[in-house]
Amino acid sequence: MTVTVKDNEALVVPPSVRRRAGLKGGQELEFKVSGGVITIRPKPSVADDEYTPEQRRVIDAQLAEGLADVAAGRVRGPFSTHKEFIASLHKEARKLSRKKTTRPAR
């Protein structure tokens, strides 16, 4: 596809080209010029910009909770084989089935 560059007008990328390149509306682009060739790429995201400070606090709290579970031994595994994993599941199921459950009267 070809387009004509006009003085004092923005260069327009045709919609079919944008679709094929996977570009979305509002996406930031990076332009690089080298030897008369213009390369347009999506601007890479910066890891620090992916989450808000509040989201980071929630994630950090959940990670701390998970690490506390590991430190307290409230996790199972890792398992070397699927058979070890299945045996662990059966062991836990036996523990649960021993507990008396009270069901509400109908």
C-alpha atoms as a PDB file:
ATOM      1  CA  MET A   1       0.000   0.000   0.000  1.00  0.00           C
ATOM      2  CA  THR A   2       1.270   3.489  -0.749  1.00  0.00           C
ATOM      3  CA  VAL A   3       0.274   6.902   0.557  1.00  0.00           C
ATOM      4  CA  THR A   4       1.316  10.370  -0.584  1.00  0.00           C
ATOM      5  CA  VAL A   5       3.143  12.603   1.902  1.00  0.00           C
ATOM      6  CA  LYS A   6       1.816  16.155   1.798  1.00  0.00           C
ATOM      7  CA  ASP A   7       3.434  19.280   3.249  1.00  0.00           C
ATOM      8  CA  ASN A   8       2.034  20.474   6.585  1.00  0.00           C
ATOM      9  CA  GLU A   9      -0.154  17.386   7.026  1.00  0.00           C
ATOM     10  CA  ALA A  10       0.203  14.478   9.386  1.00  0.00           C
ATOM     11  CA  LEU A  11       1.279  11.180   7.921  1.00  0.00           C
ATOM     12  CA  VAL A  12      -1.649   8.767   8.116  1.00  0.00           C
ATOM     13  CA  VAL A  13      -1.198   5.028   8.548  1.00  0.00           C
ATOM     14  CA  PRO A  14      -4.055   3.273   6.754  1.00  0.00           C
ATOM     15  CA  PRO A  15      -6.402   1.235   8.986  1.00  0.00           C
ATOM     16  CA  SER A  16      -5.620  -2.012   7.149  1.00  0.00           C
ATOM     17  CA  VAL A  17      -1.900  -1.539   7.877  1.00  0.00           C
ATOM     18  CA  ARG A  18      -2.604  -0.744  11.555  1.00  0.00           C
ATOM     19  CA  ARG A  19      -4.736  -3.902  11.847  1.00  0.00           C
ATOM     20  CA  ARG A  20      -2.059  -6.096  10.257  1.00  0.00           C
ATOM     21  CA  ALA A  21       0.559  -4.601  12.607  1.00  0.00           C
ATOM     22  CA  GLY A  22      -1.703  -5.195  15.612  1.00  0.00           C
ATOM     23  CA  LEU A  23      -1.777  -1.535  16.640  1.00  0.00           C
ATOM     24  CA  LYS A  24      -4.594  -0.373  18.906  1.00  0.00           C
ATOM     25  CA  GLY A  25      -6.117   3.064  19.407  1.00  0.00           C
ATOM     26  CA  GLY A  26      -4.355   5.053  22.134  1.00  0.00           C
ATOM     27  CA  GLN A  27      -1.245   2.874  21.964  1.00  0.00           C
ATOM     28  CA  GLU A  28       2.074   4.716  22.230  1.00  0.00           C
ATOM     29  CA  LEU A  29       4.460   4.226  19.332  1.00  0.00           C
ATOM     30  CA  GLU A  30       8.207   4.623  19.051  1.00  0.00           C
ATOM     31  CA  PHE A  31       9.727   6.069  15.834  1.00  0.00           C
ATOM     32  CA  LYS A  32      13.305   5.373  14.751  1.00  0.00           C
ATOM     33  CA  VAL A  33      14.963   6.819  11.657  1.00  0.00           C
ATOM     34  CA  SER A  34      18.014   5.230  10.076  1.00  0.00           C
ATOM     35  CA  GLY A  35      19.297   5.849   6.559  1.00  0.00           C
ATOM     36  CA  GLY A  36      16.005   7.145   5.169  1.00  0.00           C
ATOM     37  CA  VAL A  37      14.013   4.288   6.703  1.00  0.00           C
ATOM     38  CA  ILE A  38      11.420   4.984   9.387  1.00  0.00           C
ATOM     39  CA  THR A  39      10.720   2.152  11.783  1.00  0.00           C
ATOM     40  CA  ILE A  40       7.551   2.356  13.877  1.00  0.00           C
ATOM     41  CA  ARG A  41       7.192   0.030  16.870  1.00  0.00           C
ATOM     42  CA  PRO A  42       4.904  -0.139  19.869  1.00  0.00           C
ATOM     43  CA  LYS A  43       6.581   1.562  22.797  1.00  0.00           C
ATOM     44  CA  PRO A  44       7.698  -1.145  25.234  1.00  0.00           C
ATOM     45  CA  SER A  45       5.977  -1.000  28.593  1.00  0.00           C
ATOM     46  CA  VAL A  46       8.054  -0.134  31.616  1.00  0.00           C
ATOM     47  CA  ALA A  47       7.621  -2.609  34.466  1.00  0.00           C
ATOM     48  CA  ASP A  48       7.243   0.207  37.011  1.00  0.00           C
ATOM     49  CA  ASP A  49       4.252   1.636  35.132  1.00  0.00           C
ATOM     50  CA  GLU A  50       2.286  -1.613  35.040  1.00  0.00           C
ATOM     51  CA  TYR A  51       0.741  -1.259  38.520  1.00  0.00           C
ATOM     52  CA  THR A  52      -0.440   1.651  40.610  1.00  0.00           C
ATOM     53  CA  PRO A  53       1.047   2.072  44.105  1.00  0.00           C
ATOM     54  CA  GLU A  54      -2.201   0.711  45.608  1.00  0.00           C
ATOM     55  CA  GLN A  55      -2.056  -2.379  43.366  1.00  0.00           C
ATOM     56  CA  ARG A  56       1.587  -2.903  44.370  1.00  0.00           C
ATOM     57  CA  ARG A  57       0.631  -2.744  48.083  1.00  0.00           C
ATOM     58  CA  VAL A  58      -2.055  -5.414  47.556  1.00  0.00           C
ATOM     59  CA  ILE A  59       0.323  -7.653  45.594  1.00  0.00           C
ATOM     60  CA  ASP A  60       3.090  -7.252  48.183  1.00  0.00           C
ATOM     61  CA  ALA A  61       0.642  -8.099  50.996  1.00  0.00           C
ATOM     62  CA  GLN A  62      -0.518 -11.234  49.168  1.00  0.00           C
ATOM     63  CA  LEU A  63       3.078 -12.309  48.531  1.00  0.00           C
ATOM     64  CA  ALA A  64       3.934 -11.786  52.207  1.00  0.00           C
ATOM     65  CA  GLU A  65       0.907 -13.874  53.191  1.00  0.00           C
ATOM     66  CA  GLY A  66       1.959 -16.671  50.843  1.00  0.00           C
ATOM     67  CA  LEU A  67       5.530 -16.627  52.158  1.00  0.00           C
ATOM     68  CA  ALA A  68       4.207 -16.771  55.731  1.00  0.00           C
ATOM     69  CA  ASP A  69       2.183 -19.887  54.776  1.00  0.00           C
ATOM     70  CA  VAL A  70       5.318 -21.490  53.353  1.00  0.00           C
ATOM     71  CA  ALA A  71       7.359 -20.603  56.462  1.00  0.00           C
ATOM     72  CA  ALA A  72       4.641 -22.036  58.733  1.00  0.00           C
ATOM     73  CA  GLY A  73       4.460 -25.266  56.735  1.00  0.00           C
ATOM     74  CA  ARG A  74       0.875 -24.729  55.555  1.00  0.00           C
ATOM     75  CA  VAL A  75       1.699 -25.787  52.016  1.00  0.00           C
ATOM     76  CA  ARG A  76       2.278 -29.126  50.334  1.00  0.00           C
ATOM     77  CA  GLY A  77       4.990 -30.089  47.879  1.00  0.00           C
ATOM     78  CA  PRO A  78       6.970 -29.746  45.815  1.00  0.00           C
ATOM     79  CA  PHE A  79       6.373 -33.218  44.486  1.00  0.00           C
ATOM     80  CA  SER A  80       8.880 -35.182  42.430  1.00  0.00           C
ATOM     81  CA  THR A  81       6.228 -37.197  40.627  1.00  0.00           C
ATOM     82  CA  HIS A  82       2.510 -37.090  39.990  1.00  0.00           C
ATOM     83  CA  LYS A  83       2.178 -40.200  42.163  1.00  0.00           C
ATOM     84  CA  GLU A  84       3.522 -38.279  45.172  1.00  0.00           C
ATOM     85  CA  PHE A  85       1.014 -35.526  44.449  1.00  0.00           C
ATOM     86  CA  ILE A  86      -1.911 -37.986  44.202  1.00  0.00           C
ATOM     87  CA  ALA A  87      -0.817 -39.715  47.437  1.00  0.00           C
ATOM     88  CA  SER A  88      -0.777 -36.342  49.201  1.00  0.00           C
ATOM     89  CA  LEU A  89      -4.283 -35.554  47.911  1.00  0.00           C
ATOM     90  CA  HIS A  90      -5.596 -38.900  49.179  1.00  0.00           C
ATOM     91  CA  LYS A  91      -3.964 -38.354  52.575  1.00  0.00           C
ATOM     92  CA  GLU A  92      -5.618 -34.932  52.924  1.00  0.00           C
ATOM     93  CA  ALA A  93      -8.963 -36.365  51.767  1.00  0.00           C
ATOM     94  CA  ARG A  94      -8.766 -39.056  54.464  1.00  0.00           C
ATOM     95  CA  LYS A  95      -8.147 -36.374  57.089  1.00  0.00           C
ATOM     96  CA  LEU A  96     -11.181 -34.443  55.912  1.00  0.00           C
ATOM     97  CA  SER A  97     -13.443 -37.499  55.759  1.00  0.00           C
ATOM     98  CA  ARG A  98     -12.609 -38.355  59.405  1.00  0.00           C
ATOM     99  CA  LYS A  99     -14.053 -35.067  60.583  1.00  0.00           C
ATOM    100  CA  LYS A 100     -17.735 -35.257  61.457  1.00  0.00           C
ATOM    101  CA  THR A 101     -19.792 -32.830  59.501  1.00  0.00           C
ATOM    102  CA  THR A 102     -23.089 -31.566  60.735  1.00  0.00           C
ATOM    103  CA  ARG A 103     -25.646 -31.032  58.079  1.00  0.00           C
ATOM    104  CA  PRO A 104     -28.616 -28.763  58.648  1.00  0.00           C
ATOM    105  CA  ALA A 105     -31.988 -30.479  59.055  1.00  0.00           C
ATOM    106  CA  ARG A 106     -34.322 -30.168  56.107  1.00  0.00           C
END
